[in-house]
PDB file of all heavy atoms in Angstrom:
ATOM      1  N   GLU A   1      -0.981   9.443 -98.726  1.00  0.00           N
ATOM      2  CA  GLU A   1      -0.963  10.833 -98.086  1.00  0.00           C
ATOM      3  C   GLU A   1      -1.498  10.867 -96.711  1.00  0.00           C
ATOM      4  O   GLU A   1      -1.051  11.662 -95.783  1.00  0.00           O
ATOM      5  CB  GLU A   1      -1.647  11.761 -99.070  1.00  0.00           C
ATOM      6  CG  GLU A   1      -0.999  11.999-100.397  1.00  0.00           C
ATOM      7  CD  GLU A   1       0.410  12.640-100.230  1.00  0.00           C
ATOM      8  OE1 GLU A   1       0.585  13.513 -99.432  1.00  0.00           O
ATOM      9  OE2 GLU A   1       1.361  12.166-101.032  1.00  0.00           O
ATOM     10  N   LEU A   2      -2.568  10.112 -96.537  1.00  0.00           N
ATOM     11  CA  LEU A   2      -3.279  10.237 -95.148  1.00  0.00           C
ATOM     12  C   LEU A   2      -2.580   9.394 -94.095  1.00  0.00           C
ATOM     13  O   LEU A   2      -2.551   9.650 -92.933  1.00  0.00           O
ATOM     14  CB  LEU A   2      -4.700   9.700 -95.276  1.00  0.00           C
ATOM     15  CG  LEU A   2      -5.744  10.742 -95.884  1.00  0.00           C
ATOM     16  CD1 LEU A   2      -7.132  10.045 -95.894  1.00  0.00           C
ATOM     17  CD2 LEU A   2      -5.799  11.970 -95.133  1.00  0.00           C
ATOM     18  N   GLY A   3      -1.995   8.217 -94.681  1.00  0.00           N
ATOM     19  CA  GLY A   3      -1.334   7.240 -93.663  1.00  0.00           C
ATOM     20  C   GLY A   3      -2.488   6.178 -93.233  1.00  0.00           C
ATOM     21  O   GLY A   3      -3.652   6.500 -93.405  1.00  0.00           O
ATOM     22  N   GLU A   4      -2.050   5.060 -92.869  1.00  0.00           N
ATOM     23  CA  GLU A   4      -2.947   3.998 -92.486  1.00  0.00           C
ATOM     24  C   GLU A   4      -4.030   4.424 -91.421  1.00  0.00           C
ATOM     25  O   GLU A   4      -5.157   4.055 -91.553  1.00  0.00           O
ATOM     26  CB  GLU A   4      -2.222   2.803 -92.017  1.00  0.00           C
ATOM     27  CG  GLU A   4      -1.361   2.075 -93.094  1.00  0.00           C
ATOM     28  CD  GLU A   4      -0.771   0.855 -92.647  1.00  0.00           C
ATOM     29  OE1 GLU A   4      -0.993   0.462 -91.475  1.00  0.00           O
ATOM     30  OE2 GLU A   4      -0.050   0.173 -93.455  1.00  0.00           O
ATOM     31  N   ALA A   5      -3.616   5.070 -90.372  1.00  0.00           N
ATOM     32  CA  ALA A   5      -4.589   5.462 -89.293  1.00  0.00           C
ATOM     33  C   ALA A   5      -5.701   6.388 -89.855  1.00  0.00           C
ATOM     34  O   ALA A   5      -6.848   6.162 -89.616  1.00  0.00           O
ATOM     35  CB  ALA A   5      -3.810   6.061 -88.168  1.00  0.00           C
ATOM     36  N   ARG A   6      -5.226   7.478 -90.498  1.00  0.00           N
ATOM     37  CA  ARG A   6      -6.259   8.511 -90.957  1.00  0.00           C
ATOM     38  C   ARG A   6      -7.157   7.820 -92.026  1.00  0.00           C
ATOM     39  O   ARG A   6      -8.287   8.108 -92.138  1.00  0.00           O
ATOM     40  CB  ARG A   6      -5.615   9.695 -91.448  1.00  0.00           C
ATOM     41  CG  ARG A   6      -5.061  10.647 -90.361  1.00  0.00           C
ATOM     42  CD  ARG A   6      -4.519  11.899 -90.867  1.00  0.00           C
ATOM     43  NE  ARG A   6      -4.244  12.913 -89.818  1.00  0.00           N
ATOM     44  CZ  ARG A   6      -3.141  12.841 -89.085  1.00  0.00           C
ATOM     45  NH1 ARG A   6      -2.206  11.931 -89.264  1.00  0.00           N
ATOM     46  NH2 ARG A   6      -2.999  13.698 -88.114  1.00  0.00           N
ATOM     47  N   TYR A   7      -6.512   6.984 -92.914  1.00  0.00           N
ATOM     48  CA  TYR A   7      -7.184   6.390 -93.949  1.00  0.00           C
ATOM     49  C   TYR A   7      -8.329   5.403 -93.338  1.00  0.00           C
ATOM     50  O   TYR A   7      -9.441   5.322 -93.771  1.00  0.00           O
ATOM     51  CB  TYR A   7      -6.362   5.529 -94.852  1.00  0.00           C
ATOM     52  CG  TYR A   7      -7.035   4.921 -96.078  1.00  0.00           C
ATOM     53  CD1 TYR A   7      -7.543   5.697 -97.050  1.00  0.00           C
ATOM     54  CD2 TYR A   7      -7.290   3.524 -96.142  1.00  0.00           C
ATOM     55  CE1 TYR A   7      -8.251   5.143 -98.137  1.00  0.00           C
ATOM     56  CE2 TYR A   7      -7.952   2.955 -97.168  1.00  0.00           C
ATOM     57  CZ  TYR A   7      -8.411   3.786 -98.232  1.00  0.00           C
ATOM     58  OH  TYR A   7      -9.086   3.214 -99.208  1.00  0.00           O
ATOM     59  N   GLY A   8      -7.904   4.715 -92.245  1.00  0.00           N
ATOM     60  CA  GLY A   8      -8.860   3.874 -91.517  1.00  0.00           C
ATOM     61  C   GLY A   8     -10.058   4.656 -90.945  1.00  0.00           C
ATOM     62  O   GLY A   8     -11.226   4.190 -91.005  1.00  0.00           O
ATOM     63  N   VAL A   9      -9.748   5.895 -90.401  1.00  0.00           N
ATOM     64  CA  VAL A   9     -10.817   6.692 -89.863  1.00  0.00           C
ATOM     65  C   VAL A   9     -11.770   7.084 -91.033  1.00  0.00           C
ATOM     66  O   VAL A   9     -12.948   7.146 -90.848  1.00  0.00           O
ATOM     67  CB  VAL A   9     -10.180   8.020 -89.287  1.00  0.00           C
ATOM     68  CG1 VAL A   9     -11.388   8.966 -88.875  1.00  0.00           C
ATOM     69  CG2 VAL A   9      -9.502   7.595 -88.001  1.00  0.00           C
ATOM     70  N   TRP A  10     -11.192   7.427 -92.153  1.00  0.00           N
ATOM     71  CA  TRP A  10     -11.979   7.877 -93.353  1.00  0.00           C
ATOM     72  C   TRP A  10     -12.874   6.688 -93.827  1.00  0.00           C
ATOM     73  O   TRP A  10     -14.074   6.905 -94.072  1.00  0.00           O
ATOM     74  CB  TRP A  10     -11.028   8.301 -94.423  1.00  0.00           C
ATOM     75  CG  TRP A  10     -11.808   8.576 -95.695  1.00  0.00           C
ATOM     76  CD1 TRP A  10     -11.714   7.943 -96.967  1.00  0.00           C
ATOM     77  CD2 TRP A  10     -12.689   9.674 -96.011  1.00  0.00           C
ATOM     78  NE1 TRP A  10     -12.561   8.475 -97.877  1.00  0.00           N
ATOM     79  CE2 TRP A  10     -13.125   9.577 -97.294  1.00  0.00           C
ATOM     80  CE3 TRP A  10     -13.231  10.735 -95.220  1.00  0.00           C
ATOM     81  CZ2 TRP A  10     -14.009  10.447 -97.902  1.00  0.00           C
ATOM     82  CZ3 TRP A  10     -14.090  11.624 -95.812  1.00  0.00           C
ATOM     83  CH2 TRP A  10     -14.536  11.480 -97.086  1.00  0.00           C
ATOM     84  N   ILE A  11     -12.357   5.517 -93.953  1.00  0.00           N
ATOM     85  CA  ILE A  11     -13.116   4.311 -94.372  1.00  0.00           C
ATOM     86  C   ILE A  11     -14.196   4.021 -93.392  1.00  0.00           C
ATOM     87  O   ILE A  11     -15.417   3.766 -93.760  1.00  0.00           O
ATOM     88  CB  ILE A  11     -12.275   3.175 -94.560  1.00  0.00           C
ATOM     89  CG1 ILE A  11     -11.317   3.359 -95.782  1.00  0.00           C
ATOM     90  CG2 ILE A  11     -13.092   1.789 -94.881  1.00  0.00           C
ATOM     91  CD1 ILE A  11     -11.958   3.623 -97.120  1.00  0.00           C
ATOM     92  N   LEU A  12     -13.855   4.123 -92.090  1.00  0.00           N
ATOM     93  CA  LEU A  12     -14.885   3.825 -91.093  1.00  0.00           C
ATOM     94  C   LEU A  12     -16.024   4.828 -91.024  1.00  0.00           C
ATOM     95  O   LEU A  12     -17.205   4.573 -90.903  1.00  0.00           O
ATOM     96  CB  LEU A  12     -14.179   3.820 -89.690  1.00  0.00           C
ATOM     97  CG  LEU A  12     -15.084   3.391 -88.464  1.00  0.00           C
ATOM     98  CD1 LEU A  12     -15.605   2.014 -88.586  1.00  0.00           C
ATOM     99  CD2 LEU A  12     -14.274   3.545 -87.123  1.00  0.00           C
ATOM    100  N   THR A  13     -15.617   6.181 -91.263  1.00  0.00           N
ATOM    101  CA  THR A  13     -16.666   7.195 -91.338  1.00  0.00           C
ATOM    102  C   THR A  13     -17.566   6.985 -92.547  1.00  0.00           C
ATOM    103  O   THR A  13     -18.827   7.028 -92.377  1.00  0.00           O
ATOM    104  CB  THR A  13     -15.976   8.540 -91.631  1.00  0.00           C
ATOM    105  OG1 THR A  13     -15.126   8.846 -90.437  1.00  0.00           O
ATOM    106  CG2 THR A  13     -16.975   9.674 -91.755  1.00  0.00           C
ATOM    107  N   SER A  14     -17.017   6.575 -93.662  1.00  0.00           N
ATOM    108  CA  SER A  14     -17.844   6.304 -94.860  1.00  0.00           C
ATOM    109  C   SER A  14     -18.783   5.151 -94.595  1.00  0.00           C
ATOM    110  O   SER A  14     -19.938   5.103 -95.016  1.00  0.00           O
ATOM    111  CB  SER A  14     -16.926   5.982 -96.091  1.00  0.00           C
ATOM    112  OG  SER A  14     -16.087   7.051 -96.426  1.00  0.00           O
ATOM    113  N   SER A  15     -18.264   4.059 -93.812  1.00  0.00           N
ATOM    114  CA  SER A  15     -19.079   2.912 -93.614  1.00  0.00           C
ATOM    115  C   SER A  15     -20.279   3.265 -92.615  1.00  0.00           C
ATOM    116  O   SER A  15     -21.381   2.869 -92.809  1.00  0.00           O
ATOM    117  CB  SER A  15     -18.163   1.826 -92.877  1.00  0.00           C
ATOM    118  OG  SER A  15     -17.213   1.440 -93.800  1.00  0.00           O
ATOM    119  N   VAL A  16     -19.896   3.991 -91.556  1.00  0.00           N
ATOM    120  CA  VAL A  16     -21.013   4.402 -90.539  1.00  0.00           C
ATOM    121  C   VAL A  16     -22.060   5.252 -91.262  1.00  0.00           C
ATOM    122  O   VAL A  16     -23.179   5.053 -91.144  1.00  0.00           O
ATOM    123  CB  VAL A  16     -20.317   5.130 -89.405  1.00  0.00           C
ATOM    124  CG1 VAL A  16     -21.338   5.639 -88.435  1.00  0.00           C
ATOM    125  CG2 VAL A  16     -19.411   4.172 -88.589  1.00  0.00           C
ATOM    126  N   ILE A  17     -21.568   6.330 -91.928  1.00  0.00           N
ATOM    127  CA  ILE A  17     -22.516   7.294 -92.620  1.00  0.00           C
ATOM    128  C   ILE A  17     -23.336   6.536 -93.662  1.00  0.00           C
ATOM    129  O   ILE A  17     -24.475   6.830 -93.979  1.00  0.00           O
ATOM    130  CB  ILE A  17     -21.797   8.482 -93.092  1.00  0.00           C
ATOM    131  CG1 ILE A  17     -21.127   9.264 -91.989  1.00  0.00           C
ATOM    132  CG2 ILE A  17     -22.855   9.419 -93.766  1.00  0.00           C
ATOM    133  CD1 ILE A  17     -21.920   9.678 -90.868  1.00  0.00           C
ATOM    134  N   GLY A  18     -22.701   5.515 -94.272  1.00  0.00           N
ATOM    135  CA  GLY A  18     -23.385   4.808 -95.344  1.00  0.00           C
ATOM    136  C   GLY A  18     -24.648   4.039 -94.856  1.00  0.00           C
ATOM    137  O   GLY A  18     -25.616   3.862 -95.581  1.00  0.00           O
ATOM    138  N   TYR A  19     -24.712   3.765 -93.559  1.00  0.00           N
ATOM    139  CA  TYR A  19     -25.973   3.130 -92.980  1.00  0.00           C
ATOM    140  C   TYR A  19     -27.056   4.138 -92.984  1.00  0.00           C
ATOM    141  O   TYR A  19     -28.240   3.708 -92.697  1.00  0.00           O
ATOM    142  CB  TYR A  19     -25.661   2.579 -91.569  1.00  0.00           C
ATOM    143  CG  TYR A  19     -24.850   1.314 -91.621  1.00  0.00           C
ATOM    144  CD1 TYR A  19     -23.550   1.204 -91.370  1.00  0.00           C
ATOM    145  CD2 TYR A  19     -25.531   0.143 -91.896  1.00  0.00           C
ATOM    146  CE1 TYR A  19     -22.832   0.022 -91.357  1.00  0.00           C
ATOM    147  CE2 TYR A  19     -24.870  -1.053 -91.968  1.00  0.00           C
ATOM    148  CZ  TYR A  19     -23.486  -1.111 -91.663  1.00  0.00           C
ATOM    149  OH  TYR A  19     -22.833  -2.295 -91.746  1.00  0.00           O
ATOM    150  N   TYR A  20     -26.824   5.438 -93.131  1.00  0.00           N
ATOM    151  CA  TYR A  20     -27.961   6.396 -93.122  1.00  0.00           C
ATOM    152  C   TYR A  20     -28.949   6.058 -94.172  1.00  0.00           C
ATOM    153  O   TYR A  20     -30.084   6.346 -94.086  1.00  0.00           O
ATOM    154  CB  TYR A  20     -27.368   7.807 -93.400  1.00  0.00           C
ATOM    155  CG  TYR A  20     -26.798   8.537 -92.198  1.00  0.00           C
ATOM    156  CD1 TYR A  20     -26.472   7.808 -91.094  1.00  0.00           C
ATOM    157  CD2 TYR A  20     -26.446   9.816 -92.291  1.00  0.00           C
ATOM    158  CE1 TYR A  20     -25.901   8.461 -89.990  1.00  0.00           C
ATOM    159  CE2 TYR A  20     -25.877  10.498 -91.150  1.00  0.00           C
ATOM    160  CZ  TYR A  20     -25.526   9.744 -90.084  1.00  0.00           C
ATOM    161  OH  TYR A  20     -24.995  10.430 -88.969  1.00  0.00           O
ATOM    162  N   GLY A  21     -28.471   5.416 -95.301  1.00  0.00           N
ATOM    163  CA  GLY A  21     -29.352   5.032 -96.350  1.00  0.00           C
ATOM    164  C   GLY A  21     -30.475   4.106 -95.915  1.00  0.00           C
ATOM    165  O   GLY A  21     -31.548   4.150 -96.526  1.00  0.00           O
ATOM    166  N   PHE A  22     -30.343   3.391 -94.938  1.00  0.00           N
ATOM    167  CA  PHE A  22     -31.376   2.435 -94.415  1.00  0.00           C
ATOM    168  C   PHE A  22     -32.393   3.233 -93.667  1.00  0.00           C
ATOM    169  O   PHE A  22     -33.486   2.777 -93.530  1.00  0.00           O
ATOM    170  CB  PHE A  22     -30.823   1.421 -93.468  1.00  0.00           C
ATOM    171  CG  PHE A  22     -30.050   0.298 -94.155  1.00  0.00           C
ATOM    172  CD1 PHE A  22     -28.644   0.171 -94.106  1.00  0.00           C
ATOM    173  CD2 PHE A  22     -30.823  -0.681 -94.899  1.00  0.00           C
ATOM    174  CE1 PHE A  22     -28.059  -0.932 -94.760  1.00  0.00           C
ATOM    175  CE2 PHE A  22     -30.219  -1.659 -95.574  1.00  0.00           C
ATOM    176  CZ  PHE A  22     -28.837  -1.855 -95.469  1.00  0.00           C
ATOM    177  N   LEU A  23     -32.092   4.509 -93.187  1.00  0.00           N
ATOM    178  CA  LEU A  23     -33.045   5.238 -92.304  1.00  0.00           C
ATOM    179  C   LEU A  23     -34.172   5.771 -93.139  1.00  0.00           C
ATOM    180  O   LEU A  23     -35.110   6.328 -92.485  1.00  0.00           O
ATOM    181  CB  LEU A  23     -32.309   6.370 -91.625  1.00  0.00           C
ATOM    182  CG  LEU A  23     -31.014   5.843 -90.636  1.00  0.00           C
ATOM    183  CD1 LEU A  23     -30.414   7.005 -89.988  1.00  0.00           C
ATOM    184  CD2 LEU A  23     -31.720   4.843 -89.607  1.00  0.00           C
ATOM    185  N   ASP A  24     -34.063   5.782 -94.379  1.00  0.00           N
ATOM    186  CA  ASP A  24     -35.227   6.343 -95.164  1.00  0.00           C
ATOM    187  C   ASP A  24     -36.398   5.437 -95.259  1.00  0.00           C
ATOM    188  O   ASP A  24     -37.394   5.700 -95.694  1.00  0.00           O
ATOM    189  CB  ASP A  24     -34.848   6.827 -96.598  1.00  0.00           C
ATOM    190  CG  ASP A  24     -34.577   5.666 -97.469  1.00  0.00           C
ATOM    191  OD1 ASP A  24     -34.549   4.554 -97.013  1.00  0.00           O
ATOM    192  OD2 ASP A  24     -34.363   5.935 -98.718  1.00  0.00           O
ATOM    193  N   LEU A  25     -36.193   4.122 -94.743  1.00  0.00           N
ATOM    194  CA  LEU A  25     -37.232   3.155 -94.676  1.00  0.00           C
ATOM    195  C   LEU A  25     -37.881   2.819 -96.075  1.00  0.00           C
ATOM    196  O   LEU A  25     -39.010   2.564 -96.123  1.00  0.00           O
ATOM    197  CB  LEU A  25     -38.282   3.488 -93.679  1.00  0.00           C
ATOM    198  CG  LEU A  25     -37.722   3.783 -92.209  1.00  0.00           C
ATOM    199  CD1 LEU A  25     -38.991   4.206 -91.347  1.00  0.00           C
ATOM    200  CD2 LEU A  25     -37.003   2.577 -91.638  1.00  0.00           C
ATOM    201  N   GLY A  26     -37.070   2.944 -97.097  1.00  0.00           N
ATOM    202  CA  GLY A  26     -37.543   2.626 -98.409  1.00  0.00           C
ATOM    203  C   GLY A  26     -38.262   3.747 -99.158  1.00  0.00           C
ATOM    204  O   GLY A  26     -38.804   3.543-100.183  1.00  0.00           O
ATOM    205  N   PHE A  27     -38.293   4.919 -98.560  1.00  0.00           N
ATOM    206  CA  PHE A  27     -38.996   6.012 -99.124  1.00  0.00           C
ATOM    207  C   PHE A  27     -38.503   6.422-100.475  1.00  0.00           C
ATOM    208  O   PHE A  27     -39.260   6.780-101.398  1.00  0.00           O
ATOM    209  CB  PHE A  27     -38.961   7.324 -98.197  1.00  0.00           C
ATOM    210  CG  PHE A  27     -40.185   7.499 -97.337  1.00  0.00           C
ATOM    211  CD1 PHE A  27     -40.553   6.561 -96.482  1.00  0.00           C
ATOM    212  CD2 PHE A  27     -40.899   8.651 -97.444  1.00  0.00           C
ATOM    213  CE1 PHE A  27     -41.676   6.708 -95.743  1.00  0.00           C
ATOM    214  CE2 PHE A  27     -42.020   8.901 -96.715  1.00  0.00           C
ATOM    215  CZ  PHE A  27     -42.406   7.851 -95.823  1.00  0.00           C
ATOM    216  N   ARG A  28     -37.203   6.160-100.788  1.00  0.00           N
ATOM    217  CA  ARG A  28     -36.747   6.520-102.043  1.00  0.00           C
ATOM    218  C   ARG A  28     -37.338   5.708-103.141  1.00  0.00           C
ATOM    219  O   ARG A  28     -37.640   6.224-104.182  1.00  0.00           O
ATOM    220  CB  ARG A  28     -35.122   6.234-102.065  1.00  0.00           C
ATOM    221  CG  ARG A  28     -34.366   7.063-101.048  1.00  0.00           C
ATOM    222  CD  ARG A  28     -32.937   6.887-101.160  1.00  0.00           C
ATOM    223  NE  ARG A  28     -32.155   7.498-100.019  1.00  0.00           N
ATOM    224  CZ  ARG A  28     -30.847   7.745-100.097  1.00  0.00           C
ATOM    225  NH1 ARG A  28     -30.207   7.625-101.144  1.00  0.00           N
ATOM    226  NH2 ARG A  28     -30.324   8.249 -99.006  1.00  0.00           N
ATOM    227  N   GLY A  29     -37.350   4.474-102.894  1.00  0.00           N
ATOM    228  CA  GLY A  29     -38.036   3.512-103.932  1.00  0.00           C
ATOM    229  C   GLY A  29     -39.469   3.934-104.172  1.00  0.00           C
ATOM    230  O   GLY A  29     -40.037   3.832-105.362  1.00  0.00           O
ATOM    231  N   GLY A  30     -40.132   4.291-103.071  1.00  0.00           N
ATOM    232  CA  GLY A  30     -41.520   4.659-103.165  1.00  0.00           C
ATOM    233  C   GLY A  30     -41.785   5.989-103.972  1.00  0.00           C
ATOM    234  O   GLY A  30     -42.669   6.097-104.781  1.00  0.00           O
ATOM    235  N   VAL A  31     -40.885   6.930-103.757  1.00  0.00           N
ATOM    236  CA  VAL A  31     -40.916   8.210-104.523  1.00  0.00           C
ATOM    237  C   VAL A  31     -40.674   7.941-106.030  1.00  0.00           C
ATOM    238  O   VAL A  31     -41.456   8.362-106.846  1.00  0.00           O
ATOM    239  CB  VAL A  31     -39.878   9.192-104.043  1.00  0.00           C
ATOM    240  CG1 VAL A  31     -39.834  10.412-104.943  1.00  0.00           C
ATOM    241  CG2 VAL A  31     -40.191   9.636-102.616  1.00  0.00           C
ATOM    242  N   THR A  32     -39.690   7.151-106.280  1.00  0.00           N
ATOM    243  CA  THR A  32     -39.447   6.799-107.785  1.00  0.00           C
ATOM    244  C   THR A  32     -40.567   6.120-108.398  1.00  0.00           C
ATOM    245  O   THR A  32     -40.958   6.384-109.515  1.00  0.00           O
ATOM    246  CB  THR A  32     -38.137   5.944-107.816  1.00  0.00           C
ATOM    247  OG1 THR A  32     -37.062   6.652-107.205  1.00  0.00           O
ATOM    248  CG2 THR A  32     -37.873   5.675-109.320  1.00  0.00           C
ATOM    249  N   GLN A  33     -41.210   5.153-107.662  1.00  0.00           N
ATOM    250  CA  GLN A  33     -42.296   4.352-108.164  1.00  0.00           C
ATOM    251  C   GLN A  33     -43.508   5.275-108.587  1.00  0.00           C
ATOM    252  O   GLN A  33     -43.995   5.331-109.752  1.00  0.00           O
ATOM    253  CB  GLN A  33     -42.772   3.400-107.102  1.00  0.00           C
ATOM    254  CG  GLN A  33     -44.190   2.785-107.327  1.00  0.00           C
ATOM    255  CD  GLN A  33     -44.200   1.718-108.404  1.00  0.00           C
ATOM    256  OE1 GLN A  33     -45.276   1.402-108.951  1.00  0.00           O
ATOM    257  NE2 GLN A  33     -43.063   1.032-108.684  1.00  0.00           N
ATOM    258  N   TYR A  34     -43.972   6.170-107.648  1.00  0.00           N
ATOM    259  CA  TYR A  34     -45.085   6.951-107.843  1.00  0.00           C
ATOM    260  C   TYR A  34     -44.849   8.101-108.689  1.00  0.00           C
ATOM    261  O   TYR A  34     -45.798   8.581-109.475  1.00  0.00           O
ATOM    262  CB  TYR A  34     -45.844   7.282-106.543  1.00  0.00           C
ATOM    263  CG  TYR A  34     -46.496   6.071-105.951  1.00  0.00           C
ATOM    264  CD1 TYR A  34     -45.862   5.333-104.892  1.00  0.00           C
ATOM    265  CD2 TYR A  34     -47.757   5.659-106.420  1.00  0.00           C
ATOM    266  CE1 TYR A  34     -46.523   4.190-104.394  1.00  0.00           C
ATOM    267  CE2 TYR A  34     -48.403   4.533-105.960  1.00  0.00           C
ATOM    268  CZ  TYR A  34     -47.850   3.850-104.892  1.00  0.00           C
ATOM    269  OH  TYR A  34     -48.416   2.675-104.446  1.00  0.00           O
ATOM    270  N   LEU A  35     -43.673   8.781-108.608  1.00  0.00           N
ATOM    271  CA  LEU A  35     -43.450   9.868-109.495  1.00  0.00           C
ATOM    272  C   LEU A  35     -43.335   9.444-110.930  1.00  0.00           C
ATOM    273  O   LEU A  35     -43.940  10.024-111.803  1.00  0.00           O
ATOM    274  CB  LEU A  35     -42.008  10.463-109.087  1.00  0.00           C
ATOM    275  CG  LEU A  35     -41.728  11.762-109.734  1.00  0.00           C
ATOM    276  CD1 LEU A  35     -42.727  12.881-109.617  1.00  0.00           C
ATOM    277  CD2 LEU A  35     -40.301  12.228-109.435  1.00  0.00           C
ATOM    278  N   THR A  36     -42.728   8.301-111.256  1.00  0.00           N
ATOM    279  CA  THR A  36     -42.719   7.684-112.520  1.00  0.00           C
ATOM    280  C   THR A  36     -44.111   7.369-113.037  1.00  0.00           C
ATOM    281  O   THR A  36     -44.510   7.713-114.211  1.00  0.00           O
ATOM    282  CB  THR A  36     -41.944   6.336-112.578  1.00  0.00           C
ATOM    283  OG1 THR A  36     -40.608   6.622-112.123  1.00  0.00           O
ATOM    284  CG2 THR A  36     -41.806   5.757-113.946  1.00  0.00           C
ATOM    285  N   ARG A  37     -44.915   6.766-112.140  1.00  0.00           N
ATOM    286  CA  ARG A  37     -46.312   6.456-112.458  1.00  0.00           C
ATOM    287  C   ARG A  37     -47.178   7.710-112.832  1.00  0.00           C
ATOM    288  O   ARG A  37     -47.891   7.691-113.925  1.00  0.00           O
ATOM    289  CB  ARG A  37     -47.003   5.672-111.363  1.00  0.00           C
ATOM    290  CG  ARG A  37     -48.295   5.028-111.636  1.00  0.00           C
ATOM    291  CD  ARG A  37     -48.636   4.164-110.429  1.00  0.00           C
ATOM    292  NE  ARG A  37     -47.780   2.972-110.322  1.00  0.00           N
ATOM    293  CZ  ARG A  37     -47.963   1.885-111.122  1.00  0.00           C
ATOM    294  NH1 ARG A  37     -49.007   1.720-111.884  1.00  0.00           N
ATOM    295  NH2 ARG A  37     -47.105   0.883-110.938  1.00  0.00           N
TER     296      ARG A  37
END
């Protein structure tokens, strides 16, 4: 439905935004550790 070009933009967007997960600098793991504790 999107076609190859638009699908490529969608995958590239997901890949670029996916790197946002690195920007929390591991805070997610720290929150889970101490909240559980």
